Amino acid sequence: MLTYKPLFKLLIDLNMKEKVLAQKAGISPATIAKMKHDNAVISSTILAKICIVLKCKFDDIMEIKL
């Protein structure tokens, strides 16, 4: 199962609102909302945009739970 819970924890740690992340990354707020659901399919391009804004790696914003 793929989860983006680490992203939302990171946003809390950085005191950044989802809307601000969406604006800075140039993505839709609906995409961020979609990521709240486990196994959401998000393109690597969007994930890269998020990582660039947050200055992190893919494994900092998502994880695979076995």
Protein backbone atom coordinates (compact mmCIF):
# COMPACT_ATOMS: atom_id res chain seq x y z
CA MET A 1 0.00 0.00 0.00
CA LEU A 2 1.31 3.44 -0.93
CA THR A 3 0.70 6.30 1.47
CA TYR A 4 1.55 10.01 1.44
CA LYS A 5 1.20 10.45 5.21
CA PRO A 6 4.87 11.48 5.50
CA LEU A 7 4.07 14.47 3.26
CA PHE A 8 1.34 15.71 5.58
CA LYS A 9 3.55 15.18 8.64
CA LEU A 10 6.31 17.16 6.90
CA LEU A 11 3.88 19.99 6.14
CA ILE A 12 2.94 20.14 9.82
CA ASP A 13 6.62 20.15 10.83
CA LEU A 14 7.30 22.98 8.36
CA ASN A 15 4.14 24.84 9.42
CA MET A 16 3.07 25.00 5.76
CA LYS A 17 -0.53 24.84 4.62
CA GLU A 18 -1.53 22.51 1.79
CA LYS A 19 -2.80 25.46 -0.25
CA VAL A 20 0.58 27.19 0.00
CA LEU A 21 2.36 24.03 -1.14
CA ALA A 22 0.01 23.73 -4.11
CA GLN A 23 0.67 27.34 -5.12
CA LYS A 24 4.45 27.10 -4.76
CA ALA A 25 4.60 23.77 -6.62
CA GLY A 26 2.22 24.93 -9.35
CA ILE A 27 -0.19 22.06 -8.80
CA SER A 28 -3.89 21.84 -8.08
CA PRO A 29 -5.12 21.84 -4.47
CA ALA A 30 -7.30 18.92 -5.59
CA THR A 31 -4.14 16.91 -6.24
CA ILE A 32 -3.00 17.50 -2.67
CA ALA A 33 -6.45 16.45 -1.43
CA LYS A 34 -6.26 13.29 -3.58
CA MET A 35 -2.99 12.39 -1.86
CA LYS A 36 -4.83 11.98 1.43
CA HIS A 37 -6.20 8.70 0.12
CA ASP A 38 -4.00 5.62 0.32
CA ASN A 39 -2.88 4.23 -3.05
CA ALA A 40 -3.61 7.51 -4.85
CA VAL A 41 -1.89 7.57 -8.24
CA ILE A 42 0.21 10.72 -8.52
CA SER A 43 2.64 11.32 -11.39
CA SER A 44 6.35 11.44 -10.72
CA THR A 45 6.39 14.95 -12.24
CA ILE A 46 4.03 16.23 -9.54
CA LEU A 47 5.95 14.40 -6.82
CA ALA A 48 9.17 15.99 -8.11
CA LYS A 49 7.59 19.47 -8.01
CA ILE A 50 6.59 18.89 -4.39
CA CYS A 51 10.07 17.65 -3.49
CA ILE A 52 11.68 20.67 -5.13
CA VAL A 53 9.52 23.07 -3.11
CA LEU A 54 10.07 21.17 0.14
CA LYS A 55 13.76 20.46 -0.61
CA CYS A 56 13.34 16.77 0.10
CA LYS A 57 13.43 13.32 -1.54
CA PHE A 58 10.57 11.07 -2.67
CA ASP A 59 10.92 8.87 0.41
CA ASP A 60 10.39 11.95 2.61
CA ILE A 61 6.85 12.42 1.27
CA MET A 62 5.62 8.88 0.61
CA GLU A 63 6.11 5.33 1.82
CA ILE A 64 5.16 1.83 0.86
CA LYS A 65 3.56 -0.18 3.64
CA LEU A 66 3.86 -3.93 3.22
